[in-house]
Structures are given as C-alpha cells and as structure tokens.
Amino acid sequence: MNGAELLVQCLENEGVKIIFGIPGEENLAFLEALRNSKIRLILTRHEQAAGFMAATYGRLTGNPGVCLSTLGPGATNFVTAVSYGLLGGMPVVFITGQKPIKKSKQGRFQILDVVRMMEPLTKFTKQVVNAGTIPAMIRDMFRIAVNGKSGPVHIELPEDIAAEEIDSKPFETHKLHYPVAAPEAILQAAELIKQARYPL
C-alpha cells in the first residue's frame, strides 16, 4: 500500500463519502486510490468552489467536508474558502498536493509554502513528511475540525510521500459524544432563570 491509498483508507474510516475538488499532476496517486474506494469525487471548475462546497457540507451535516486541490495556484485558490470555513465555524478538511519534497527534477516550479500560508486561517495545518504519520494525522485533524468551535484544517501531501510504500492501517476512530443534562436539571435551570431579577 502507498501513502495515498493509506490516506484514502483513513478518510473512509472517518466516514467520508464525498470529496470535492480538481485533479492535477501532484494528486494523481491520491485520485487513483480514490478511484478504488467508496468515496465519490465531485469535480468542480475551480478550487474555491470545491472549498465552498466542502465547507457548506460540513456546516449542514456537522461532519467535516473534504476538498482537494493541486499545489501552487490551485492551493492559493482555496484561501477564500478556508477563510469562509474559519469565520463560519464550519468543519472542513482541505487537502493540497505538492511536488516531491525529497528529490524534485523540476526544482521550485510552482512551489509555495502552503502550510505557512494556511496557519492563520486554519485550526491545524501540516505537511506529510512520512507516510507512516498519516493515520495519526488524519484522526487528529478530524477531531480538531469539530472540537470547540468547528473550523478548517489542512494537510499537504507531496507526490513522493503519496507514492511511498507503507505497511500501516487507519487508526480506530472514536466519535465524541457530548453529555446531555438530565431533563429535571434543565427544568430546574429554566425555573431559576424565570425567577431571576436580572437573567442573563
């Protein structure tokens, strides 16, 4: 199994059913893994539209929406959608491709520091530098996206890491269940508020 296949398995494990995005050279391994999965890819005409669709999916379902772009200009086209997700408190996972980080024949062509660009706009952003870290990273990202005020998270998957052979599997997921107050406690609180001289 390669890093891209592991990433797709981790997304399936988190319950992802749809990804919005645009194919490109840097995410071909991911797309090939996606082709062999149960996850449906919805192609968009622009990365920003993919980001808006994923953020809105997250807002409406409460589960993180997922979207995909290539590197450089494709990743920068996500910025407005990332901001939309941040300001609206929408759980969304942005996945961007990147040139190989260990050895690239094309040098710095279209390479931007996307992780640094995403830092002020996301709750979490990271470049995968070792395919073995993918299960922990995905589990943590999905948890971060929905905990507290929901919001966007970002992962950058370089071509060489996507192709890296790995003997690993997704981590077990644990959906968080928030406690609900006992009905009598809610009624008691409501009565106290009704009797208050200066209720909040």
N, C-alpha and C. Protein backbone atom coordinates (compact mmCIF):
# COMPACT_ATOMS: atom_id res chain seq x y z
N MET A 1 0.85 -1.17 0.00
CA MET A 1 0.00 0.00 0.00
C MET A 1 0.90 1.24 0.00
N ASN A 2 0.45 2.31 -0.71
CA ASN A 2 1.23 3.54 -0.68
C ASN A 2 0.55 4.59 0.20
N GLY A 3 1.22 5.72 0.38
CA GLY A 3 0.71 6.77 1.25
C GLY A 3 -0.65 7.30 0.83
N ALA A 4 -0.86 7.44 -0.47
CA ALA A 4 -2.15 7.94 -0.96
C ALA A 4 -3.27 6.95 -0.64
N GLU A 5 -3.00 5.66 -0.83
CA GLU A 5 -4.01 4.64 -0.52
C GLU A 5 -4.32 4.62 0.97
N LEU A 6 -3.29 4.79 1.79
CA LEU A 6 -3.49 4.84 3.23
C LEU A 6 -4.33 6.05 3.61
N LEU A 7 -4.05 7.20 3.00
CA LEU A 7 -4.83 8.41 3.27
C LEU A 7 -6.30 8.21 2.91
N VAL A 8 -6.56 7.62 1.76
CA VAL A 8 -7.94 7.37 1.35
C VAL A 8 -8.62 6.39 2.32
N GLN A 9 -7.91 5.36 2.76
CA GLN A 9 -8.49 4.42 3.74
C GLN A 9 -8.81 5.14 5.05
N CYS A 10 -7.93 6.05 5.46
CA CYS A 10 -8.18 6.82 6.69
C CYS A 10 -9.41 7.71 6.53
N LEU A 11 -9.58 8.31 5.35
CA LEU A 11 -10.76 9.14 5.10
C LEU A 11 -12.03 8.29 5.13
N GLU A 12 -11.97 7.11 4.52
CA GLU A 12 -13.12 6.19 4.57
C GLU A 12 -13.43 5.82 6.02
N ASN A 13 -12.39 5.57 6.78
CA ASN A 13 -12.53 5.20 8.19
C ASN A 13 -13.21 6.30 9.00
N GLU A 14 -13.01 7.55 8.58
CA GLU A 14 -13.64 8.70 9.25
C GLU A 14 -15.06 8.95 8.75
N GLY A 15 -15.51 8.12 7.82
CA GLY A 15 -16.88 8.25 7.33
C GLY A 15 -17.05 9.17 6.13
N VAL A 16 -15.95 9.56 5.49
CA VAL A 16 -16.04 10.44 4.32
C VAL A 16 -16.70 9.69 3.17
N LYS A 17 -17.70 10.33 2.57
CA LYS A 17 -18.41 9.72 1.45
C LYS A 17 -18.22 10.52 0.16
N ILE A 18 -17.88 11.81 0.29
CA ILE A 18 -17.75 12.71 -0.86
C ILE A 18 -16.53 13.59 -0.69
N ILE A 19 -15.80 13.81 -1.78
CA ILE A 19 -14.71 14.79 -1.82
C ILE A 19 -14.97 15.70 -3.01
N PHE A 20 -14.83 17.01 -2.79
CA PHE A 20 -14.99 17.99 -3.85
C PHE A 20 -13.60 18.43 -4.30
N GLY A 21 -13.37 18.57 -5.60
CA GLY A 21 -12.04 19.03 -5.99
C GLY A 21 -11.72 18.94 -7.46
N ILE A 22 -10.44 19.18 -7.73
CA ILE A 22 -9.91 19.23 -9.09
C ILE A 22 -8.66 18.35 -9.17
N PRO A 23 -8.59 17.49 -10.19
CA PRO A 23 -7.39 16.66 -10.34
C PRO A 23 -6.21 17.47 -10.88
N GLY A 24 -5.04 16.97 -10.59
CA GLY A 24 -3.82 17.59 -11.10
C GLY A 24 -2.68 16.60 -10.99
N GLU A 25 -1.56 16.93 -11.60
CA GLU A 25 -0.41 16.02 -11.61
C GLU A 25 0.02 15.62 -10.21
N GLU A 26 0.01 16.58 -9.29
CA GLU A 26 0.54 16.33 -7.94
C GLU A 26 -0.39 15.48 -7.08
N ASN A 27 -1.64 15.30 -7.48
CA ASN A 27 -2.53 14.46 -6.67
C ASN A 27 -3.04 13.23 -7.42
N LEU A 28 -2.31 12.82 -8.47
CA LEU A 28 -2.73 11.66 -9.26
C LEU A 28 -2.75 10.36 -8.45
N ALA A 29 -1.76 10.16 -7.59
CA ALA A 29 -1.74 8.94 -6.77
C ALA A 29 -2.95 8.91 -5.84
N PHE A 30 -3.30 10.06 -5.29
CA PHE A 30 -4.47 10.16 -4.42
C PHE A 30 -5.74 9.85 -5.22
N LEU A 31 -5.84 10.42 -6.42
CA LEU A 31 -7.02 10.18 -7.26
C LEU A 31 -7.14 8.72 -7.67
N GLU A 32 -6.02 8.08 -7.94
CA GLU A 32 -6.04 6.65 -8.28
C GLU A 32 -6.53 5.83 -7.08
N ALA A 33 -6.07 6.19 -5.88
CA ALA A 33 -6.54 5.50 -4.68
C ALA A 33 -8.03 5.75 -4.46
N LEU A 34 -8.46 6.97 -4.76
CA LEU A 34 -9.87 7.34 -4.61
C LEU A 34 -10.75 6.55 -5.59
N ARG A 35 -10.22 6.31 -6.78
CA ARG A 35 -10.95 5.56 -7.81
C ARG A 35 -11.29 4.15 -7.33
N ASN A 36 -10.45 3.60 -6.49
CA ASN A 36 -10.66 2.25 -5.97
C ASN A 36 -11.33 2.23 -4.60
N SER A 37 -11.95 3.34 -4.23
CA SER A 37 -12.60 3.42 -2.91
C SER A 37 -14.10 3.66 -3.09
N LYS A 38 -14.79 3.76 -1.96
CA LYS A 38 -16.22 4.04 -1.97
C LYS A 38 -16.51 5.54 -1.97
N ILE A 39 -15.47 6.34 -1.82
CA ILE A 39 -15.65 7.79 -1.77
C ILE A 39 -15.91 8.33 -3.17
N ARG A 40 -16.90 9.19 -3.28
CA ARG A 40 -17.27 9.80 -4.56
C ARG A 40 -16.55 11.13 -4.73
N LEU A 41 -15.94 11.34 -5.88
CA LEU A 41 -15.29 12.61 -6.20
C LEU A 41 -16.24 13.46 -7.02
N ILE A 42 -16.51 14.66 -6.53
CA ILE A 42 -17.32 15.62 -7.28
C ILE A 42 -16.38 16.66 -7.85
N LEU A 43 -16.24 16.67 -9.18
CA LEU A 43 -15.35 17.61 -9.85
C LEU A 43 -15.98 18.99 -9.88
N THR A 44 -15.15 20.00 -9.64
CA THR A 44 -15.60 21.38 -9.72
C THR A 44 -14.76 22.10 -10.77
N ARG A 45 -15.19 23.29 -11.15
CA ARG A 45 -14.44 24.05 -12.16
C ARG A 45 -13.36 24.91 -11.54
N HIS A 46 -13.43 25.11 -10.24
CA HIS A 46 -12.47 25.98 -9.56
C HIS A 46 -12.29 25.46 -8.13
N GLU A 47 -11.07 25.57 -7.63
CA GLU A 47 -10.78 25.09 -6.27
C GLU A 47 -11.60 25.83 -5.22
N GLN A 48 -11.83 27.12 -5.44
CA GLN A 48 -12.61 27.89 -4.48
C GLN A 48 -14.02 27.31 -4.35
N ALA A 49 -14.62 26.91 -5.47
CA ALA A 49 -15.95 26.30 -5.43
C ALA A 49 -15.91 24.99 -4.65
N ALA A 50 -14.86 24.20 -4.85
CA ALA A 50 -14.71 22.94 -4.10
C ALA A 50 -14.65 23.22 -2.61
N GLY A 51 -13.89 24.25 -2.23
CA GLY A 51 -13.78 24.62 -0.82
C GLY A 51 -15.10 25.08 -0.23
N PHE A 52 -15.84 25.92 -0.97
CA PHE A 52 -17.15 26.38 -0.50
C PHE A 52 -18.11 25.20 -0.35
N MET A 53 -18.08 24.29 -1.31
CA MET A 53 -18.98 23.13 -1.24
C MET A 53 -18.65 22.24 -0.04
N ALA A 54 -17.36 22.01 0.19
CA ALA A 54 -16.95 21.17 1.33
C ALA A 54 -17.30 21.84 2.66
N ALA A 55 -17.07 23.16 2.74
CA ALA A 55 -17.38 23.89 3.98
C ALA A 55 -18.88 23.87 4.25
N THR A 56 -19.67 24.07 3.22
CA THR A 56 -21.12 24.05 3.39
C THR A 56 -21.61 22.65 3.76
N TYR A 57 -21.01 21.63 3.16
CA TYR A 57 -21.32 20.25 3.53
C TYR A 57 -21.05 20.05 5.03
N GLY A 58 -19.91 20.54 5.50
CA GLY A 58 -19.57 20.44 6.91
C GLY A 58 -20.57 21.16 7.79
N ARG A 59 -20.97 22.34 7.35
CA ARG A 59 -21.91 23.13 8.14
C ARG A 59 -23.27 22.43 8.24
N LEU A 60 -23.73 21.87 7.13
CA LEU A 60 -25.06 21.26 7.10
C LEU A 60 -25.12 19.89 7.78
N THR A 61 -24.02 19.13 7.71
CA THR A 61 -24.03 17.78 8.28
C THR A 61 -23.42 17.69 9.67
N GLY A 62 -22.54 18.65 10.01
CA GLY A 62 -21.81 18.58 11.27
C GLY A 62 -20.57 17.70 11.17
N ASN A 63 -20.40 17.01 10.05
CA ASN A 63 -19.20 16.20 9.79
C ASN A 63 -18.29 16.96 8.85
N PRO A 64 -16.98 16.85 9.03
CA PRO A 64 -16.08 17.62 8.16
C PRO A 64 -16.29 17.30 6.67
N GLY A 65 -16.45 18.37 5.88
CA GLY A 65 -16.44 18.23 4.43
C GLY A 65 -14.99 18.11 4.00
N VAL A 66 -14.73 17.53 2.85
CA VAL A 66 -13.36 17.32 2.38
C VAL A 66 -13.23 17.83 0.95
N CYS A 67 -12.13 18.54 0.67
CA CYS A 67 -11.88 19.02 -0.68
C CYS A 67 -10.41 18.87 -1.03
N LEU A 68 -10.14 18.90 -2.33
CA LEU A 68 -8.82 18.56 -2.87
C LEU A 68 -8.39 19.56 -3.92
N SER A 69 -7.10 19.92 -3.89
CA SER A 69 -6.52 20.75 -4.95
C SER A 69 -5.09 20.32 -5.23
N THR A 70 -4.53 20.91 -6.26
CA THR A 70 -3.12 20.69 -6.56
C THR A 70 -2.30 21.70 -5.77
N LEU A 71 -1.04 21.86 -6.16
CA LEU A 71 -0.14 22.78 -5.47
C LEU A 71 -0.26 24.19 -6.02
N GLY A 72 0.58 25.10 -5.50
CA GLY A 72 0.73 26.46 -6.02
C GLY A 72 -0.58 27.19 -6.19
N PRO A 73 -0.89 27.62 -7.43
CA PRO A 73 -2.12 28.37 -7.68
C PRO A 73 -3.38 27.62 -7.28
N GLY A 74 -3.38 26.30 -7.43
CA GLY A 74 -4.54 25.52 -7.00
C GLY A 74 -4.77 25.65 -5.51
N ALA A 75 -3.69 25.60 -4.75
CA ALA A 75 -3.80 25.73 -3.29
C ALA A 75 -4.19 27.15 -2.89
N THR A 76 -3.64 28.16 -3.57
CA THR A 76 -3.99 29.54 -3.21
C THR A 76 -5.45 29.83 -3.53
N ASN A 77 -6.02 29.14 -4.49
CA ASN A 77 -7.44 29.32 -4.80
C ASN A 77 -8.34 28.85 -3.65
N PHE A 78 -7.80 28.08 -2.73
CA PHE A 78 -8.55 27.63 -1.56
C PHE A 78 -8.70 28.72 -0.49
N VAL A 79 -7.85 29.74 -0.52
CA VAL A 79 -7.75 30.68 0.61
C VAL A 79 -9.08 31.31 0.99
N THR A 80 -9.86 31.78 0.03
CA THR A 80 -11.14 32.41 0.37
C THR A 80 -12.09 31.39 1.00
N ALA A 81 -12.10 30.17 0.49
CA ALA A 81 -12.96 29.13 1.06
C ALA A 81 -12.51 28.73 2.46
N VAL A 82 -11.19 28.71 2.68
CA VAL A 82 -10.67 28.41 4.02
C VAL A 82 -11.14 29.49 4.99
N SER A 83 -11.05 30.76 4.57
CA SER A 83 -11.50 31.87 5.41
C SER A 83 -12.99 31.76 5.70
N TYR A 84 -13.76 31.39 4.70
CA TYR A 84 -15.21 31.19 4.85
C TYR A 84 -15.48 30.13 5.92
N GLY A 85 -14.74 29.03 5.86
CA GLY A 85 -14.90 27.97 6.85
C GLY A 85 -14.51 28.41 8.25
N LEU A 86 -13.44 29.21 8.33
CA LEU A 86 -12.97 29.69 9.63
C LEU A 86 -13.97 30.66 10.25
N LEU A 87 -14.40 31.64 9.48
CA LEU A 87 -15.31 32.66 10.00
C LEU A 87 -16.70 32.10 10.30
N GLY A 88 -17.11 31.09 9.54
CA GLY A 88 -18.42 30.49 9.76
C GLY A 88 -18.43 29.32 10.72
N GLY A 89 -17.25 28.93 11.21
CA GLY A 89 -17.17 27.79 12.14
C GLY A 89 -17.61 26.49 11.49
N MET A 90 -17.11 26.24 10.28
CA MET A 90 -17.51 25.05 9.52
C MET A 90 -16.40 24.01 9.51
N PRO A 91 -16.70 22.77 9.88
CA PRO A 91 -15.65 21.74 9.86
C PRO A 91 -15.35 21.31 8.43
N VAL A 92 -14.12 21.50 8.00
CA VAL A 92 -13.75 21.16 6.63
C VAL A 92 -12.27 20.79 6.57
N VAL A 93 -11.96 19.77 5.78
CA VAL A 93 -10.58 19.30 5.60
C VAL A 93 -10.13 19.68 4.18
N PHE A 94 -9.08 20.49 4.10
CA PHE A 94 -8.50 20.89 2.82
C PHE A 94 -7.26 20.03 2.57
N ILE A 95 -7.22 19.35 1.44
CA ILE A 95 -6.07 18.53 1.06
C ILE A 95 -5.43 19.16 -0.17
N THR A 96 -4.14 19.47 -0.09
CA THR A 96 -3.44 20.03 -1.24
C THR A 96 -2.28 19.12 -1.63
N GLY A 97 -2.01 19.06 -2.92
CA GLY A 97 -0.86 18.30 -3.41
C GLY A 97 0.40 19.15 -3.32
N GLN A 98 1.54 18.53 -3.56
CA GLN A 98 2.82 19.24 -3.55
C GLN A 98 3.84 18.43 -4.35
N LYS A 99 4.83 19.12 -4.89
CA LYS A 99 5.94 18.45 -5.58
C LYS A 99 6.65 17.54 -4.58
N PRO A 100 7.44 16.58 -5.08
CA PRO A 100 8.21 15.73 -4.16
C PRO A 100 9.09 16.58 -3.25
N ILE A 101 9.17 16.22 -1.99
CA ILE A 101 9.98 17.00 -1.06
C ILE A 101 11.38 16.44 -0.88
N LYS A 102 11.56 15.17 -1.23
CA LYS A 102 12.88 14.57 -1.03
C LYS A 102 13.79 14.78 -2.24
N LYS A 103 13.22 14.77 -3.43
CA LYS A 103 14.00 14.97 -4.64
C LYS A 103 13.06 15.36 -5.77
N SER A 104 13.26 16.54 -6.34
CA SER A 104 12.39 17.00 -7.41
C SER A 104 13.21 17.42 -8.62
N LYS A 105 12.84 16.91 -9.79
CA LYS A 105 13.53 17.26 -11.04
C LYS A 105 13.13 18.65 -11.52
N GLN A 106 12.00 19.15 -11.04
CA GLN A 106 11.50 20.44 -11.51
C GLN A 106 11.92 21.61 -10.63
N GLY A 107 12.72 21.36 -9.65
CA GLY A 107 13.17 22.45 -8.78
C GLY A 107 12.02 23.06 -8.01
N ARG A 108 11.94 24.37 -8.00
CA ARG A 108 10.95 25.09 -7.19
C ARG A 108 9.72 25.51 -7.99
N PHE A 109 9.51 24.97 -9.17
CA PHE A 109 8.40 25.38 -10.03
C PHE A 109 7.06 25.22 -9.31
N GLN A 110 6.32 26.30 -9.18
CA GLN A 110 5.00 26.38 -8.55
C GLN A 110 4.99 25.96 -7.08
N ILE A 111 6.13 25.96 -6.43
CA ILE A 111 6.15 25.58 -5.02
C ILE A 111 6.00 26.82 -4.15
N LEU A 112 4.98 26.79 -3.32
CA LEU A 112 4.74 27.82 -2.31
C LEU A 112 4.72 27.13 -0.95
N ASP A 113 4.97 27.90 0.09
CA ASP A 113 4.86 27.35 1.44
C ASP A 113 3.39 27.41 1.85
N VAL A 114 2.62 26.46 1.36
CA VAL A 114 1.17 26.45 1.58
C VAL A 114 0.84 26.24 3.06
N VAL A 115 1.61 25.42 3.74
CA VAL A 115 1.36 25.17 5.17
C VAL A 115 1.45 26.48 5.94
N ARG A 116 2.49 27.25 5.67
CA ARG A 116 2.65 28.53 6.37
C ARG A 116 1.54 29.51 5.98
N MET A 117 1.15 29.48 4.72
CA MET A 117 0.07 30.35 4.25
C MET A 117 -1.24 30.03 4.97
N MET A 118 -1.46 28.75 5.27
CA MET A 118 -2.71 28.32 5.90
C MET A 118 -2.73 28.51 7.42
N GLU A 119 -1.57 28.74 8.03
CA GLU A 119 -1.51 28.81 9.50
C GLU A 119 -2.51 29.77 10.13
N PRO A 120 -2.60 31.04 9.67
CA PRO A 120 -3.54 31.94 10.34
C PRO A 120 -5.01 31.68 10.00
N LEU A 121 -5.26 30.80 9.04
CA LEU A 121 -6.62 30.58 8.56
C LEU A 121 -7.22 29.25 8.99
N THR A 122 -6.42 28.38 9.59
CA THR A 122 -6.89 27.04 9.95
C THR A 122 -6.67 26.76 11.43
N LYS A 123 -7.35 25.74 11.92
CA LYS A 123 -7.13 25.28 13.28
C LYS A 123 -5.90 24.38 13.35
N PHE A 124 -5.53 23.82 12.19
CA PHE A 124 -4.39 22.90 12.13
C PHE A 124 -3.96 22.80 10.68
N THR A 125 -2.64 22.83 10.44
CA THR A 125 -2.12 22.64 9.09
C THR A 125 -0.79 21.92 9.17
N LYS A 126 -0.56 20.98 8.28
CA LYS A 126 0.67 20.18 8.34
C LYS A 126 0.98 19.57 6.98
N GLN A 127 2.27 19.45 6.70
CA GLN A 127 2.74 18.72 5.53
C GLN A 127 3.09 17.31 5.97
N VAL A 128 2.67 16.32 5.19
CA VAL A 128 3.04 14.94 5.49
C VAL A 128 4.47 14.73 5.01
N VAL A 129 5.38 14.39 5.91
CA VAL A 129 6.77 14.16 5.53
C VAL A 129 7.14 12.68 5.61
N ASN A 130 6.22 11.88 6.15
CA ASN A 130 6.44 10.44 6.28
C ASN A 130 5.06 9.78 6.23
N ALA A 131 4.87 8.86 5.30
CA ALA A 131 3.56 8.22 5.13
C ALA A 131 3.08 7.52 6.39
N GLY A 132 4.01 7.10 7.24
CA GLY A 132 3.64 6.42 8.47
C GLY A 132 2.88 7.29 9.46
N THR A 133 2.94 8.61 9.29
CA THR A 133 2.25 9.53 10.20
C THR A 133 0.81 9.82 9.76
N ILE A 134 0.42 9.34 8.59
CA ILE A 134 -0.90 9.68 8.04
C ILE A 134 -2.06 9.26 8.96
N PRO A 135 -2.11 8.03 9.50
CA PRO A 135 -3.25 7.66 10.33
C PRO A 135 -3.45 8.58 11.54
N ALA A 136 -2.37 8.89 12.25
CA ALA A 136 -2.49 9.76 13.42
C ALA A 136 -2.89 11.17 13.00
N MET A 137 -2.31 11.64 11.91
CA MET A 137 -2.60 13.00 11.44
C MET A 137 -4.07 13.15 11.04
N ILE A 138 -4.59 12.19 10.31
CA ILE A 138 -5.99 12.26 9.87
C ILE A 138 -6.94 12.16 11.06
N ARG A 139 -6.66 11.23 11.96
CA ARG A 139 -7.52 11.11 13.16
C ARG A 139 -7.55 12.42 13.93
N ASP A 140 -6.36 13.01 14.14
CA ASP A 140 -6.28 14.27 14.89
C ASP A 140 -6.96 15.41 14.15
N MET A 141 -6.78 15.48 12.83
CA MET A 141 -7.38 16.56 12.05
C MET A 141 -8.90 16.53 12.12
N PHE A 142 -9.49 15.36 12.00
CA PHE A 142 -10.94 15.27 12.06
C PHE A 142 -11.45 15.64 13.44
N ARG A 143 -10.71 15.29 14.46
CA ARG A 143 -11.09 15.64 15.82
C ARG A 143 -10.99 17.16 16.02
N ILE A 144 -9.89 17.74 15.55
CA ILE A 144 -9.67 19.19 15.69
C ILE A 144 -10.73 19.98 14.93
N ALA A 145 -11.11 19.50 13.75
CA ALA A 145 -12.08 20.22 12.91
C ALA A 145 -13.43 20.40 13.59
N VAL A 146 -13.82 19.46 14.46
CA VAL A 146 -15.14 19.54 15.09
C VAL A 146 -15.11 19.93 16.55
N ASN A 147 -13.96 19.87 17.21
CA ASN A 147 -13.89 20.20 18.64
C ASN A 147 -13.91 21.70 18.86
N GLY A 148 -14.52 22.11 19.98
CA GLY A 148 -14.61 23.54 20.27
C GLY A 148 -15.43 24.19 19.17
N LYS A 149 -14.97 25.36 18.72
CA LYS A 149 -15.62 25.98 17.56
C LYS A 149 -15.11 25.24 16.33
N SER A 150 -16.01 24.67 15.57
CA SER A 150 -15.62 23.94 14.36
C SER A 150 -14.88 24.87 13.41
N GLY A 151 -14.05 24.28 12.55
CA GLY A 151 -13.31 25.09 11.60
C GLY A 151 -12.48 24.26 10.65
N PRO A 152 -11.74 24.95 9.76
CA PRO A 152 -10.95 24.26 8.74
C PRO A 152 -9.63 23.71 9.25
N VAL A 153 -9.21 22.61 8.65
CA VAL A 153 -7.88 22.04 8.87
C VAL A 153 -7.29 21.76 7.48
N HIS A 154 -5.97 21.63 7.42
CA HIS A 154 -5.30 21.47 6.11
C HIS A 154 -4.19 20.44 6.20
N ILE A 155 -4.08 19.63 5.16
CA ILE A 155 -2.98 18.67 5.05
C ILE A 155 -2.40 18.78 3.64
N GLU A 156 -1.07 18.80 3.57
CA GLU A 156 -0.38 18.84 2.28
C GLU A 156 0.29 17.50 2.04
N LEU A 157 -0.02 16.89 0.90
CA LEU A 157 0.51 15.56 0.57
C LEU A 157 1.45 15.66 -0.63
N PRO A 158 2.77 15.64 -0.41
CA PRO A 158 3.72 15.67 -1.53
C PRO A 158 3.65 14.39 -2.36
N GLU A 159 4.00 14.52 -3.64
CA GLU A 159 3.94 13.38 -4.58
C GLU A 159 4.73 12.17 -4.09
N ASP A 160 5.94 12.40 -3.59
CA ASP A 160 6.78 11.26 -3.20
C ASP A 160 6.25 10.57 -1.95
N ILE A 161 5.64 11.32 -1.06
CA ILE A 161 5.05 10.71 0.14
C ILE A 161 3.80 9.93 -0.24
N ALA A 162 3.04 10.44 -1.20
CA ALA A 162 1.84 9.74 -1.69
C ALA A 162 2.22 8.40 -2.31
N ALA A 163 3.39 8.34 -2.94
CA ALA A 163 3.84 7.11 -3.60
C ALA A 163 4.64 6.19 -2.68
N GLU A 164 5.00 6.68 -1.50
CA GLU A 164 5.83 5.92 -0.56
C GLU A 164 5.11 4.65 -0.10
N GLU A 165 5.80 3.53 -0.20
CA GLU A 165 5.22 2.26 0.25
C GLU A 165 5.22 2.22 1.78
N ILE A 166 4.12 1.78 2.34
CA ILE A 166 3.96 1.79 3.79
C ILE A 166 3.15 0.57 4.23
N ASP A 167 3.52 0.01 5.36
CA ASP A 167 2.78 -1.11 5.93
C ASP A 167 2.08 -0.58 7.17
N SER A 168 0.93 -0.01 6.98
CA SER A 168 0.20 0.60 8.08
C SER A 168 -1.29 0.49 7.80
N LYS A 169 -2.10 0.90 8.75
CA LYS A 169 -3.55 0.89 8.56
C LYS A 169 -4.15 2.04 9.35
N PRO A 170 -5.38 2.42 9.02
CA PRO A 170 -6.03 3.53 9.74
C PRO A 170 -6.19 3.22 11.23
N PHE A 171 -6.14 4.27 12.04
CA PHE A 171 -6.40 4.12 13.46
C PHE A 171 -7.90 3.99 13.69
N GLU A 172 -8.24 3.35 14.78
CA GLU A 172 -9.64 3.25 15.16
C GLU A 172 -10.15 4.65 15.49
N THR A 173 -11.35 4.95 15.03
CA THR A 173 -11.91 6.27 15.31
C THR A 173 -12.83 6.19 16.51
N HIS A 174 -12.91 7.29 17.21
CA HIS A 174 -13.79 7.40 18.37
C HIS A 174 -14.59 8.68 18.21
N LYS A 175 -15.85 8.55 17.88
CA LYS A 175 -16.71 9.72 17.77
C LYS A 175 -16.98 10.25 19.17
N LEU A 176 -16.86 11.56 19.30
CA LEU A 176 -17.11 12.19 20.59
C LEU A 176 -18.61 12.31 20.83
N HIS A 177 -19.02 11.97 22.02
CA HIS A 177 -20.41 12.12 22.41
C HIS A 177 -20.46 13.12 23.56
N TYR A 178 -21.17 14.21 23.34
CA TYR A 178 -21.25 15.25 24.35
C TYR A 178 -22.36 14.91 25.33
N PRO A 179 -22.10 15.09 26.62
CA PRO A 179 -23.12 14.76 27.62
C PRO A 179 -24.32 15.71 27.52
N VAL A 180 -25.48 15.18 27.82
CA VAL A 180 -26.70 15.97 27.82
C VAL A 180 -27.21 16.00 29.25
N ALA A 181 -27.63 17.19 29.67
CA ALA A 181 -28.14 17.34 31.03
C ALA A 181 -29.43 16.55 31.21
N ALA A 182 -29.65 16.12 32.43
CA ALA A 182 -30.88 15.41 32.77
C ALA A 182 -32.06 16.37 32.59
N PRO A 183 -33.21 15.88 32.10
CA PRO A 183 -34.37 16.75 31.87
C PRO A 183 -34.78 17.55 33.11
N GLU A 184 -34.70 16.92 34.29
CA GLU A 184 -35.10 17.65 35.51
C GLU A 184 -34.12 18.79 35.83
N ALA A 185 -32.84 18.61 35.50
CA ALA A 185 -31.86 19.68 35.71
C ALA A 185 -32.13 20.85 34.76
N ILE A 186 -32.56 20.56 33.55
CA ILE A 186 -32.89 21.62 32.59
C ILE A 186 -34.11 22.40 33.07
N LEU A 187 -35.13 21.69 33.56
CA LEU A 187 -36.33 22.36 34.08
C LEU A 187 -36.00 23.22 35.29
N GLN A 188 -35.13 22.71 36.16
CA GLN A 188 -34.72 23.47 37.34
C GLN A 188 -33.97 24.74 36.92
N ALA A 189 -33.09 24.63 35.95
CA ALA A 189 -32.35 25.81 35.46
C ALA A 189 -33.31 26.82 34.83
N ALA A 190 -34.29 26.34 34.07
CA ALA A 190 -35.27 27.23 33.45
C ALA A 190 -36.07 27.98 34.50
N GLU A 191 -36.45 27.29 35.57
CA GLU A 191 -37.21 27.92 36.66
C GLU A 191 -36.38 29.00 37.35
N LEU A 192 -35.10 28.71 37.59
CA LEU A 192 -34.21 29.69 38.21
C LEU A 192 -34.06 30.93 37.33
N ILE A 193 -33.97 30.73 36.03
CA ILE A 193 -33.85 31.87 35.11
C ILE A 193 -35.13 32.69 35.12
N LYS A 194 -36.29 32.02 35.15
CA LYS A 194 -37.58 32.74 35.18
C LYS A 194 -37.72 33.57 36.45
N GLN A 195 -37.18 33.09 37.55
CA GLN A 195 -37.30 33.78 38.83
C GLN A 195 -36.23 34.85 39.03
N ALA A 196 -35.22 34.85 38.20
CA ALA A 196 -34.10 35.79 38.37
C ALA A 196 -34.55 37.22 38.11
N ARG A 197 -34.01 38.16 38.89
CA ARG A 197 -34.32 39.57 38.70
C ARG A 197 -33.58 40.13 37.50
N TYR A 198 -32.37 39.62 37.28
CA TYR A 198 -31.55 40.07 36.15
C TYR A 198 -31.01 38.85 35.40
N PRO A 199 -31.88 38.18 34.65
CA PRO A 199 -31.40 36.98 33.95
C PRO A 199 -30.40 37.33 32.85
N LEU A 200 -29.57 36.41 32.54
CA LEU A 200 -28.56 36.64 31.50
C LEU A 200 -29.19 36.80 30.15
